[in-house]
Amino acid sequence: IVIMVIYTTIFYLSQEYFFALIAIT
């Protein structure tokens, strides 16, 4: 969960929304 929250933030800020959504899933 910790890792996924961090990667969700990183990919959202870098506008890589596909990977942000994978992390959210």
mmCIF file of all heavy atoms, coordinates in Angstrom:
data_MODEL
# 
_entry.id   MODEL 
# 
loop_
_atom_site.group_PDB 
_atom_site.id 
_atom_site.type_symbol 
_atom_site.label_atom_id 
_atom_site.label_alt_id 
_atom_site.label_comp_id 
_atom_site.label_asym_id 
_atom_site.label_entity_id 
_atom_site.label_seq_id 
_atom_site.pdbx_PDB_ins_code 
_atom_site.Cartn_x 
_atom_site.Cartn_y 
_atom_site.Cartn_z 
_atom_site.occupancy 
_atom_site.B_iso_or_equiv 
_atom_site.pdbx_formal_charge 
_atom_site.auth_seq_id 
_atom_site.auth_comp_id 
_atom_site.auth_asym_id 
_atom_site.auth_atom_id 
_atom_site.pdbx_PDB_model_num 
ATOM 1   N N   . ILE A 1 1  ? 0.831  -1.205 0.000   1.00 0.00 ? 1  ILE A N   1 
ATOM 2   C CA  . ILE A 1 1  ? 0.000  0.000  0.000   1.00 0.00 ? 1  ILE A CA  1 
ATOM 3   C C   . ILE A 1 1  ? 0.863  1.251  0.000   1.00 0.00 ? 1  ILE A C   1 
ATOM 4   O O   . ILE A 1 1  ? 0.606  2.203  -0.751  1.00 0.00 ? 1  ILE A O   1 
ATOM 5   C CB  . ILE A 1 1  ? -0.955 -0.008 1.213   1.00 0.00 ? 1  ILE A CB  1 
ATOM 6   C CG1 . ILE A 1 1  ? -2.043 -1.074 1.027   1.00 0.00 ? 1  ILE A CG1 1 
ATOM 7   C CG2 . ILE A 1 1  ? -1.601 1.368  1.413   1.00 0.00 ? 1  ILE A CG2 1 
ATOM 8   C CD1 . ILE A 1 1  ? -2.873 -1.322 2.263   1.00 0.00 ? 1  ILE A CD1 1 
ATOM 9   N N   . VAL A 1 2  ? 1.895  1.261  0.829   1.00 0.00 ? 2  VAL A N   1 
ATOM 10  C CA  . VAL A 1 2  ? 2.811  2.417  0.876   1.00 0.00 ? 2  VAL A CA  1 
ATOM 11  C C   . VAL A 1 2  ? 3.449  2.654  -0.483  1.00 0.00 ? 2  VAL A C   1 
ATOM 12  O O   . VAL A 1 2  ? 3.485  3.787  -0.990  1.00 0.00 ? 2  VAL A O   1 
ATOM 13  C CB  . VAL A 1 2  ? 3.901  2.196  1.954   1.00 0.00 ? 2  VAL A CB  1 
ATOM 14  C CG1 . VAL A 1 2  ? 4.978  3.274  1.845   1.00 0.00 ? 2  VAL A CG1 1 
ATOM 15  C CG2 . VAL A 1 2  ? 3.286  2.209  3.350   1.00 0.00 ? 2  VAL A CG2 1 
ATOM 16  N N   . ILE A 1 3  ? 3.947  1.597  -1.092  1.00 0.00 ? 3  ILE A N   1 
ATOM 17  C CA  . ILE A 1 3  ? 4.605  1.712  -2.402  1.00 0.00 ? 3  ILE A CA  1 
ATOM 18  C C   . ILE A 1 3  ? 3.625  2.196  -3.461  1.00 0.00 ? 3  ILE A C   1 
ATOM 19  O O   . ILE A 1 3  ? 3.952  3.075  -4.277  1.00 0.00 ? 3  ILE A O   1 
ATOM 20  C CB  . ILE A 1 3  ? 5.212  0.354  -2.805  1.00 0.00 ? 3  ILE A CB  1 
ATOM 21  C CG1 . ILE A 1 3  ? 6.389  0.000  -1.881  1.00 0.00 ? 3  ILE A CG1 1 
ATOM 22  C CG2 . ILE A 1 3  ? 5.699  0.390  -4.266  1.00 0.00 ? 3  ILE A CG2 1 
ATOM 23  C CD1 . ILE A 1 3  ? 6.930  -1.399 -2.089  1.00 0.00 ? 3  ILE A CD1 1 
ATOM 24  N N   . MET A 1 4  ? 2.410  1.665  -3.460  1.00 0.00 ? 4  MET A N   1 
ATOM 25  C CA  . MET A 1 4  ? 1.414  2.043  -4.468  1.00 0.00 ? 4  MET A CA  1 
ATOM 26  C C   . MET A 1 4  ? 0.958  3.493  -4.315  1.00 0.00 ? 4  MET A C   1 
ATOM 27  O O   . MET A 1 4  ? 0.719  4.181  -5.314  1.00 0.00 ? 4  MET A O   1 
ATOM 28  C CB  . MET A 1 4  ? 0.208  1.107  -4.396  1.00 0.00 ? 4  MET A CB  1 
ATOM 29  C CG  . MET A 1 4  ? 0.510  -0.322 -4.800  1.00 0.00 ? 4  MET A CG  1 
ATOM 30  S SD  . MET A 1 4  ? 1.179  -0.444 -6.488  1.00 0.00 ? 4  MET A SD  1 
ATOM 31  C CE  . MET A 1 4  ? 1.763  -2.140 -6.467  1.00 0.00 ? 4  MET A CE  1 
ATOM 32  N N   . VAL A 1 5  ? 0.831  3.957  -3.083  1.00 0.00 ? 5  VAL A N   1 
ATOM 33  C CA  . VAL A 1 5  ? 0.458  5.362  -2.855  1.00 0.00 ? 5  VAL A CA  1 
ATOM 34  C C   . VAL A 1 5  ? 1.527  6.293  -3.417  1.00 0.00 ? 5  VAL A C   1 
ATOM 35  O O   . VAL A 1 5  ? 1.220  7.303  -4.075  1.00 0.00 ? 5  VAL A O   1 
ATOM 36  C CB  . VAL A 1 5  ? 0.236  5.629  -1.351  1.00 0.00 ? 5  VAL A CB  1 
ATOM 37  C CG1 . VAL A 1 5  ? 0.149  7.126  -1.079  1.00 0.00 ? 5  VAL A CG1 1 
ATOM 38  C CG2 . VAL A 1 5  ? -1.033 4.941  -0.866  1.00 0.00 ? 5  VAL A CG2 1 
ATOM 39  N N   . ILE A 1 6  ? 2.777  5.950  -3.177  1.00 0.00 ? 6  ILE A N   1 
ATOM 40  C CA  . ILE A 1 6  ? 3.882  6.788  -3.668  1.00 0.00 ? 6  ILE A CA  1 
ATOM 41  C C   . ILE A 1 6  ? 3.924  6.790  -5.194  1.00 0.00 ? 6  ILE A C   1 
ATOM 42  O O   . ILE A 1 6  ? 4.062  7.847  -5.829  1.00 0.00 ? 6  ILE A O   1 
ATOM 43  C CB  . ILE A 1 6  ? 5.220  6.295  -3.092  1.00 0.00 ? 6  ILE A CB  1 
ATOM 44  C CG1 . ILE A 1 6  ? 5.222  6.452  -1.572  1.00 0.00 ? 6  ILE A CG1 1 
ATOM 45  C CG2 . ILE A 1 6  ? 6.386  7.080  -3.701  1.00 0.00 ? 6  ILE A CG2 1 
ATOM 46  C CD1 . ILE A 1 6  ? 6.365  5.746  -0.892  1.00 0.00 ? 6  ILE A CD1 1 
ATOM 47  N N   . TYR A 1 7  ? 3.793  5.609  -5.802  1.00 0.00 ? 7  TYR A N   1 
ATOM 48  C CA  . TYR A 1 7  ? 3.830  5.543  -7.262  1.00 0.00 ? 7  TYR A CA  1 
ATOM 49  C C   . TYR A 1 7  ? 2.600  6.194  -7.893  1.00 0.00 ? 7  TYR A C   1 
ATOM 50  O O   . TYR A 1 7  ? 2.690  6.770  -8.985  1.00 0.00 ? 7  TYR A O   1 
ATOM 51  C CB  . TYR A 1 7  ? 3.972  4.096  -7.729  1.00 0.00 ? 7  TYR A CB  1 
ATOM 52  C CG  . TYR A 1 7  ? 5.402  3.625  -7.760  1.00 0.00 ? 7  TYR A CG  1 
ATOM 53  C CD1 . TYR A 1 7  ? 5.771  2.372  -7.286  1.00 0.00 ? 7  TYR A CD1 1 
ATOM 54  C CD2 . TYR A 1 7  ? 6.407  4.444  -8.272  1.00 0.00 ? 7  TYR A CD2 1 
ATOM 55  C CE1 . TYR A 1 7  ? 7.085  1.945  -7.321  1.00 0.00 ? 7  TYR A CE1 1 
ATOM 56  C CE2 . TYR A 1 7  ? 7.721  4.035  -8.305  1.00 0.00 ? 7  TYR A CE2 1 
ATOM 57  C CZ  . TYR A 1 7  ? 8.059  2.781  -7.829  1.00 0.00 ? 7  TYR A CZ  1 
ATOM 58  O OH  . TYR A 1 7  ? 9.373  2.383  -7.863  1.00 0.00 ? 7  TYR A OH  1 
ATOM 59  N N   . THR A 1 8  ? 1.459  6.113  -7.230  1.00 0.00 ? 8  THR A N   1 
ATOM 60  C CA  . THR A 1 8  ? 0.280  6.829  -7.741  1.00 0.00 ? 8  THR A CA  1 
ATOM 61  C C   . THR A 1 8  ? 0.557  8.318  -7.811  1.00 0.00 ? 8  THR A C   1 
ATOM 62  O O   . THR A 1 8  ? 0.245  8.982  -8.815  1.00 0.00 ? 8  THR A O   1 
ATOM 63  C CB  . THR A 1 8  ? -0.942 6.579  -6.823  1.00 0.00 ? 8  THR A CB  1 
ATOM 64  O OG1 . THR A 1 8  ? -1.247 5.186  -6.808  1.00 0.00 ? 8  THR A OG1 1 
ATOM 65  C CG2 . THR A 1 8  ? -2.154 7.343  -7.331  1.00 0.00 ? 8  THR A CG2 1 
ATOM 66  N N   . THR A 1 9  ? 1.157  8.865  -6.766  1.00 0.00 ? 9  THR A N   1 
ATOM 67  C CA  . THR A 1 9  ? 1.491  10.295 -6.723  1.00 0.00 ? 9  THR A CA  1 
ATOM 68  C C   . THR A 1 9  ? 2.503  10.656 -7.800  1.00 0.00 ? 9  THR A C   1 
ATOM 69  O O   . THR A 1 9  ? 2.348  11.663 -8.508  1.00 0.00 ? 9  THR A O   1 
ATOM 70  C CB  . THR A 1 9  ? 2.048  10.664 -5.340  1.00 0.00 ? 9  THR A CB  1 
ATOM 71  O OG1 . THR A 1 9  ? 1.126  10.260 -4.323  1.00 0.00 ? 9  THR A OG1 1 
ATOM 72  C CG2 . THR A 1 9  ? 2.292  12.158 -5.244  1.00 0.00 ? 9  THR A CG2 1 
ATOM 73  N N   . ILE A 1 10 ? 3.542  9.837  -7.930  1.00 0.00 ? 10 ILE A N   1 
ATOM 74  C CA  . ILE A 1 10 ? 4.596  10.121 -8.908  1.00 0.00 ? 10 ILE A CA  1 
ATOM 75  C C   . ILE A 1 10 ? 4.037  10.121 -10.330 1.00 0.00 ? 10 ILE A C   1 
ATOM 76  O O   . ILE A 1 10 ? 4.293  11.043 -11.116 1.00 0.00 ? 10 ILE A O   1 
ATOM 77  C CB  . ILE A 1 10 ? 5.740  9.089  -8.773  1.00 0.00 ? 10 ILE A CB  1 
ATOM 78  C CG1 . ILE A 1 10 ? 6.546  9.349  -7.496  1.00 0.00 ? 10 ILE A CG1 1 
ATOM 79  C CG2 . ILE A 1 10 ? 6.660  9.138  -10.001 1.00 0.00 ? 10 ILE A CG2 1 
ATOM 80  C CD1 . ILE A 1 10 ? 7.608  8.312  -7.218  1.00 0.00 ? 10 ILE A CD1 1 
ATOM 81  N N   . PHE A 1 11 ? 3.257  9.106  -10.677 1.00 0.00 ? 11 PHE A N   1 
ATOM 82  C CA  . PHE A 1 11 ? 2.754  9.006  -12.046 1.00 0.00 ? 11 PHE A CA  1 
ATOM 83  C C   . PHE A 1 11 ? 1.635  10.013 -12.323 1.00 0.00 ? 11 PHE A C   1 
ATOM 84  O O   . PHE A 1 11 ? 1.448  10.431 -13.470 1.00 0.00 ? 11 PHE A O   1 
ATOM 85  C CB  . PHE A 1 11 ? 2.284  7.575  -12.335 1.00 0.00 ? 11 PHE A CB  1 
ATOM 86  C CG  . PHE A 1 11 ? 3.418  6.601  -12.469 1.00 0.00 ? 11 PHE A CG  1 
ATOM 87  C CD1 . PHE A 1 11 ? 3.535  5.515  -11.603 1.00 0.00 ? 11 PHE A CD1 1 
ATOM 88  C CD2 . PHE A 1 11 ? 4.390  6.767  -13.442 1.00 0.00 ? 11 PHE A CD2 1 
ATOM 89  C CE1 . PHE A 1 11 ? 4.583  4.623  -11.726 1.00 0.00 ? 11 PHE A CE1 1 
ATOM 90  C CE2 . PHE A 1 11 ? 5.450  5.883  -13.566 1.00 0.00 ? 11 PHE A CE2 1 
ATOM 91  C CZ  . PHE A 1 11 ? 5.543  4.802  -12.705 1.00 0.00 ? 11 PHE A CZ  1 
ATOM 92  N N   . TYR A 1 12 ? 0.921  10.416 -11.294 1.00 0.00 ? 12 TYR A N   1 
ATOM 93  C CA  . TYR A 1 12 ? -0.071 11.478 -11.496 1.00 0.00 ? 12 TYR A CA  1 
ATOM 94  C C   . TYR A 1 12 ? 0.620  12.800 -11.791 1.00 0.00 ? 12 TYR A C   1 
ATOM 95  O O   . TYR A 1 12 ? 0.239  13.527 -12.729 1.00 0.00 ? 12 TYR A O   1 
ATOM 96  C CB  . TYR A 1 12 ? -0.967 11.606 -10.259 1.00 0.00 ? 12 TYR A CB  1 
ATOM 97  C CG  . TYR A 1 12 ? -1.916 12.783 -10.333 1.00 0.00 ? 12 TYR A CG  1 
ATOM 98  C CD1 . TYR A 1 12 ? -3.028 12.746 -11.172 1.00 0.00 ? 12 TYR A CD1 1 
ATOM 99  C CD2 . TYR A 1 12 ? -1.673 13.938 -9.594  1.00 0.00 ? 12 TYR A CD2 1 
ATOM 100 C CE1 . TYR A 1 12 ? -3.889 13.835 -11.260 1.00 0.00 ? 12 TYR A CE1 1 
ATOM 101 C CE2 . TYR A 1 12 ? -2.522 15.025 -9.673  1.00 0.00 ? 12 TYR A CE2 1 
ATOM 102 C CZ  . TYR A 1 12 ? -3.635 14.961 -10.509 1.00 0.00 ? 12 TYR A CZ  1 
ATOM 103 O OH  . TYR A 1 12 ? -4.472 16.040 -10.597 1.00 0.00 ? 12 TYR A OH  1 
ATOM 104 N N   . LEU A 1 13 ? 1.660  13.117 -11.015 1.00 0.00 ? 13 LEU A N   1 
ATOM 105 C CA  . LEU A 1 13 ? 2.386  14.375 -11.224 1.00 0.00 ? 13 LEU A CA  1 
ATOM 106 C C   . LEU A 1 13 ? 3.130  14.382 -12.559 1.00 0.00 ? 13 LEU A C   1 
ATOM 107 O O   . LEU A 1 13 ? 3.303  15.441 -13.176 1.00 0.00 ? 13 LEU A O   1 
ATOM 108 C CB  . LEU A 1 13 ? 3.372  14.608 -10.077 1.00 0.00 ? 13 LEU A CB  1 
ATOM 109 C CG  . LEU A 1 13 ? 2.758  14.874 -8.698  1.00 0.00 ? 13 LEU A CG  1 
ATOM 110 C CD1 . LEU A 1 13 ? 3.854  14.982 -7.637  1.00 0.00 ? 13 LEU A CD1 1 
ATOM 111 C CD2 . LEU A 1 13 ? 1.902  16.131 -8.713  1.00 0.00 ? 13 LEU A CD2 1 
ATOM 112 N N   . SER A 1 14 ? 3.577  13.229 -13.012 1.00 0.00 ? 14 SER A N   1 
ATOM 113 C CA  . SER A 1 14 ? 4.295  13.150 -14.294 1.00 0.00 ? 14 SER A CA  1 
ATOM 114 C C   . SER A 1 14 ? 3.351  12.903 -15.471 1.00 0.00 ? 14 SER A C   1 
ATOM 115 O O   . SER A 1 14 ? 3.800  12.700 -16.596 1.00 0.00 ? 14 SER A O   1 
ATOM 116 C CB  . SER A 1 14 ? 5.345  12.036 -14.235 1.00 0.00 ? 14 SER A CB  1 
ATOM 117 O OG  . SER A 1 14 ? 4.733  10.789 -13.965 1.00 0.00 ? 14 SER A OG  1 
ATOM 118 N N   . GLN A 1 15 ? 2.029  12.900 -15.183 1.00 0.00 ? 15 GLN A N   1 
ATOM 119 C CA  . GLN A 1 15 ? 0.973  12.758 -16.198 1.00 0.00 ? 15 GLN A CA  1 
ATOM 120 C C   . GLN A 1 15 ? 1.027  11.410 -16.929 1.00 0.00 ? 15 GLN A C   1 
ATOM 121 O O   . GLN A 1 15 ? 0.614  11.301 -18.069 1.00 0.00 ? 15 GLN A O   1 
ATOM 122 C CB  . GLN A 1 15 ? 1.039  13.919 -17.202 1.00 0.00 ? 15 GLN A CB  1 
ATOM 123 C CG  . GLN A 1 15 ? 0.819  15.277 -16.554 1.00 0.00 ? 15 GLN A CG  1 
ATOM 124 C CD  . GLN A 1 15 ? 0.834  16.415 -17.565 1.00 0.00 ? 15 GLN A CD  1 
ATOM 125 O OE1 . GLN A 1 15 ? 0.916  16.192 -18.769 1.00 0.00 ? 15 GLN A OE1 1 
ATOM 126 N NE2 . GLN A 1 15 ? 0.767  17.647 -17.077 1.00 0.00 ? 15 GLN A NE2 1 
ATOM 127 N N   . GLU A 1 16 ? 1.515  10.399 -16.256 1.00 0.00 ? 16 GLU A N   1 
ATOM 128 C CA  . GLU A 1 16 ? 1.471  9.026  -16.773 1.00 0.00 ? 16 GLU A CA  1 
ATOM 129 C C   . GLU A 1 16 ? 0.259  8.343  -16.135 1.00 0.00 ? 16 GLU A C   1 
ATOM 130 O O   . GLU A 1 16 ? 0.369  7.507  -15.239 1.00 0.00 ? 16 GLU A O   1 
ATOM 131 C CB  . GLU A 1 16 ? 2.769  8.288  -16.441 1.00 0.00 ? 16 GLU A CB  1 
ATOM 132 C CG  . GLU A 1 16 ? 3.984  8.764  -17.202 1.00 0.00 ? 16 GLU A CG  1 
ATOM 133 C CD  . GLU A 1 16 ? 3.974  8.318  -18.666 1.00 0.00 ? 16 GLU A CD  1 
ATOM 134 O OE1 . GLU A 1 16 ? 3.133  7.461  -19.009 1.00 0.00 ? 16 GLU A OE1 1 
ATOM 135 O OE2 . GLU A 1 16 ? 4.808  8.821  -19.441 1.00 0.00 ? 16 GLU A OE2 1 
ATOM 136 N N   . TYR A 1 17 ? -0.917 8.685  -16.614 1.00 0.00 ? 17 TYR A N   1 
ATOM 137 C CA  . TYR A 1 17 ? -2.159 8.306  -15.942 1.00 0.00 ? 17 TYR A CA  1 
ATOM 138 C C   . TYR A 1 17 ? -2.448 6.806  -16.015 1.00 0.00 ? 17 TYR A C   1 
ATOM 139 O O   . TYR A 1 17 ? -3.086 6.252  -15.111 1.00 0.00 ? 17 TYR A O   1 
ATOM 140 C CB  . TYR A 1 17 ? -3.323 9.100  -16.534 1.00 0.00 ? 17 TYR A CB  1 
ATOM 141 C CG  . TYR A 1 17 ? -3.179 10.586 -16.352 1.00 0.00 ? 17 TYR A CG  1 
ATOM 142 C CD1 . TYR A 1 17 ? -3.313 11.467 -17.432 1.00 0.00 ? 17 TYR A CD1 1 
ATOM 143 C CD2 . TYR A 1 17 ? -2.891 11.126 -15.103 1.00 0.00 ? 17 TYR A CD2 1 
ATOM 144 C CE1 . TYR A 1 17 ? -3.167 12.830 -17.270 1.00 0.00 ? 17 TYR A CE1 1 
ATOM 145 C CE2 . TYR A 1 17 ? -2.752 12.491 -14.930 1.00 0.00 ? 17 TYR A CE2 1 
ATOM 146 C CZ  . TYR A 1 17 ? -2.886 13.341 -16.015 1.00 0.00 ? 17 TYR A CZ  1 
ATOM 147 O OH  . TYR A 1 17 ? -2.739 14.697 -15.843 1.00 0.00 ? 17 TYR A OH  1 
ATOM 148 N N   . PHE A 1 18 ? -2.003 6.150  -17.058 1.00 0.00 ? 18 PHE A N   1 
ATOM 149 C CA  . PHE A 1 18 ? -2.223 4.705  -17.175 1.00 0.00 ? 18 PHE A CA  1 
ATOM 150 C C   . PHE A 1 18 ? -1.583 3.971  -16.001 1.00 0.00 ? 18 PHE A C   1 
ATOM 151 O O   . PHE A 1 18 ? -2.199 3.099  -15.374 1.00 0.00 ? 18 PHE A O   1 
ATOM 152 C CB  . PHE A 1 18 ? -1.662 4.193  -18.499 1.00 0.00 ? 18 PHE A CB  1 
ATOM 153 C CG  . PHE A 1 18 ? -1.706 2.702  -18.656 1.00 0.00 ? 18 PHE A CG  1 
ATOM 154 C CD1 . PHE A 1 18 ? -2.897 2.051  -18.937 1.00 0.00 ? 18 PHE A CD1 1 
ATOM 155 C CD2 . PHE A 1 18 ? -0.555 1.942  -18.519 1.00 0.00 ? 18 PHE A CD2 1 
ATOM 156 C CE1 . PHE A 1 18 ? -2.943 0.666  -19.070 1.00 0.00 ? 18 PHE A CE1 1 
ATOM 157 C CE2 . PHE A 1 18 ? -0.588 0.565  -18.652 1.00 0.00 ? 18 PHE A CE2 1 
ATOM 158 C CZ  . PHE A 1 18 ? -1.788 -0.073 -18.938 1.00 0.00 ? 18 PHE A CZ  1 
ATOM 159 N N   . PHE A 1 19 ? -0.350 4.320  -15.680 1.00 0.00 ? 19 PHE A N   1 
ATOM 160 C CA  . PHE A 1 19 ? 0.370  3.655  -14.601 1.00 0.00 ? 19 PHE A CA  1 
ATOM 161 C C   . PHE A 1 19 ? -0.148 4.101  -13.236 1.00 0.00 ? 19 PHE A C   1 
ATOM 162 O O   . PHE A 1 19 ? -0.126 3.318  -12.277 1.00 0.00 ? 19 PHE A O   1 
ATOM 163 C CB  . PHE A 1 19 ? 1.868  3.912  -14.742 1.00 0.00 ? 19 PHE A CB  1 
ATOM 164 C CG  . PHE A 1 19 ? 2.460  3.301  -15.980 1.00 0.00 ? 19 PHE A CG  1 
ATOM 165 C CD1 . PHE A 1 19 ? 2.635  4.066  -17.124 1.00 0.00 ? 19 PHE A CD1 1 
ATOM 166 C CD2 . PHE A 1 19 ? 2.796  1.960  -16.011 1.00 0.00 ? 19 PHE A CD2 1 
ATOM 167 C CE1 . PHE A 1 19 ? 3.154  3.494  -18.278 1.00 0.00 ? 19 PHE A CE1 1 
ATOM 168 C CE2 . PHE A 1 19 ? 3.320  1.386  -17.162 1.00 0.00 ? 19 PHE A CE2 1 
ATOM 169 C CZ  . PHE A 1 19 ? 3.496  2.155  -18.296 1.00 0.00 ? 19 PHE A CZ  1 
ATOM 170 N N   . ALA A 1 20 ? -0.613 5.336  -13.140 1.00 0.00 ? 20 ALA A N   1 
ATOM 171 C CA  . ALA A 1 20 ? -1.234 5.794  -11.893 1.00 0.00 ? 20 ALA A CA  1 
ATOM 172 C C   . ALA A 1 20 ? -2.492 4.982  -11.600 1.00 0.00 ? 20 ALA A C   1 
ATOM 173 O O   . ALA A 1 20 ? -2.744 4.601  -10.447 1.00 0.00 ? 20 ALA A O   1 
ATOM 174 C CB  . ALA A 1 20 ? -1.563 7.278  -11.984 1.00 0.00 ? 20 ALA A CB  1 
ATOM 175 N N   . LEU A 1 21 ? -3.263 4.682  -12.621 1.00 0.00 ? 21 LEU A N   1 
ATOM 176 C CA  . LEU A 1 21 ? -4.492 3.904  -12.442 1.00 0.00 ? 21 LEU A CA  1 
ATOM 177 C C   . LEU A 1 21 ? -4.189 2.445  -12.096 1.00 0.00 ? 21 LEU A C   1 
ATOM 178 O O   . LEU A 1 21 ? -4.937 1.811  -11.345 1.00 0.00 ? 21 LEU A O   1 
ATOM 179 C CB  . LEU A 1 21 ? -5.348 3.984  -13.705 1.00 0.00 ? 21 LEU A CB  1 
ATOM 180 C CG  . LEU A 1 21 ? -5.980 5.357  -13.977 1.00 0.00 ? 21 LEU A CG  1 
ATOM 181 C CD1 . LEU A 1 21 ? -6.620 5.393  -15.364 1.00 0.00 ? 21 LEU A CD1 1 
ATOM 182 C CD2 . LEU A 1 21 ? -7.016 5.693  -12.905 1.00 0.00 ? 21 LEU A CD2 1 
ATOM 183 N N   . ILE A 1 22 ? -3.109 1.905  -12.634 1.00 0.00 ? 22 ILE A N   1 
ATOM 184 C CA  . ILE A 1 22 ? -2.703 0.549  -12.256 1.00 0.00 ? 22 ILE A CA  1 
ATOM 185 C C   . ILE A 1 22 ? -2.346 0.505  -10.766 1.00 0.00 ? 22 ILE A C   1 
ATOM 186 O O   . ILE A 1 22 ? -2.738 -0.419 -10.039 1.00 0.00 ? 22 ILE A O   1 
ATOM 187 C CB  . ILE A 1 22 ? -1.510 0.077  -13.110 1.00 0.00 ? 22 ILE A CB  1 
ATOM 188 C CG1 . ILE A 1 22 ? -1.949 -0.187 -14.548 1.00 0.00 ? 22 ILE A CG1 1 
ATOM 189 C CG2 . ILE A 1 22 ? -0.884 -1.191 -12.513 1.00 0.00 ? 22 ILE A CG2 1 
ATOM 190 C CD1 . ILE A 1 22 ? -0.832 -0.644 -15.450 1.00 0.00 ? 22 ILE A CD1 1 
ATOM 191 N N   . ALA A 1 23 ? -1.600 1.520  -10.315 1.00 0.00 ? 23 ALA A N   1 
ATOM 192 C CA  . ALA A 1 23 ? -1.233 1.591  -8.898  1.00 0.00 ? 23 ALA A CA  1 
ATOM 193 C C   . ALA A 1 23 ? -2.472 1.742  -8.021  1.00 0.00 ? 23 ALA A C   1 
ATOM 194 O O   . ALA A 1 23 ? -2.562 1.147  -6.936  1.00 0.00 ? 23 ALA A O   1 
ATOM 195 C CB  . ALA A 1 23 ? -0.271 2.756  -8.670  1.00 0.00 ? 23 ALA A CB  1 
ATOM 196 N N   . ILE A 1 24 ? -3.453 2.520  -8.460  1.00 0.00 ? 24 ILE A N   1 
ATOM 197 C CA  . ILE A 1 24 ? -4.697 2.694  -7.714  1.00 0.00 ? 24 ILE A CA  1 
ATOM 198 C C   . ILE A 1 24 ? -5.466 1.371  -7.629  1.00 0.00 ? 24 ILE A C   1 
ATOM 199 O O   . ILE A 1 24 ? -6.011 1.016  -6.580  1.00 0.00 ? 24 ILE A O   1 
ATOM 200 C CB  . ILE A 1 24 ? -5.564 3.788  -8.371  1.00 0.00 ? 24 ILE A CB  1 
ATOM 201 C CG1 . ILE A 1 24 ? -4.919 5.163  -8.142  1.00 0.00 ? 24 ILE A CG1 1 
ATOM 202 C CG2 . ILE A 1 24 ? -6.986 3.771  -7.824  1.00 0.00 ? 24 ILE A CG2 1 
ATOM 203 C CD1 . ILE A 1 24 ? -5.574 6.282  -8.917  1.00 0.00 ? 24 ILE A CD1 1 
ATOM 204 N N   . THR A 1 25 ? -5.523 0.647  -8.731  1.00 0.00 ? 25 THR A N   1 
ATOM 205 C CA  . THR A 1 25 ? -6.183 -0.661 -8.738  1.00 0.00 ? 25 THR A CA  1 
ATOM 206 C C   . THR A 1 25 ? -5.540 -1.607 -7.739  1.00 0.00 ? 25 THR A C   1 
ATOM 207 O O   . THR A 1 25 ? -6.218 -2.260 -6.934  1.00 0.00 ? 25 THR A O   1 
ATOM 208 C CB  . THR A 1 25 ? -6.117 -1.296 -10.140 1.00 0.00 ? 25 THR A CB  1 
ATOM 209 O OG1 . THR A 1 25 ? -6.738 -0.427 -11.082 1.00 0.00 ? 25 THR A OG1 1 
ATOM 210 C CG2 . THR A 1 25 ? -6.798 -2.646 -10.164 1.00 0.00 ? 25 THR A CG2 1 
# 
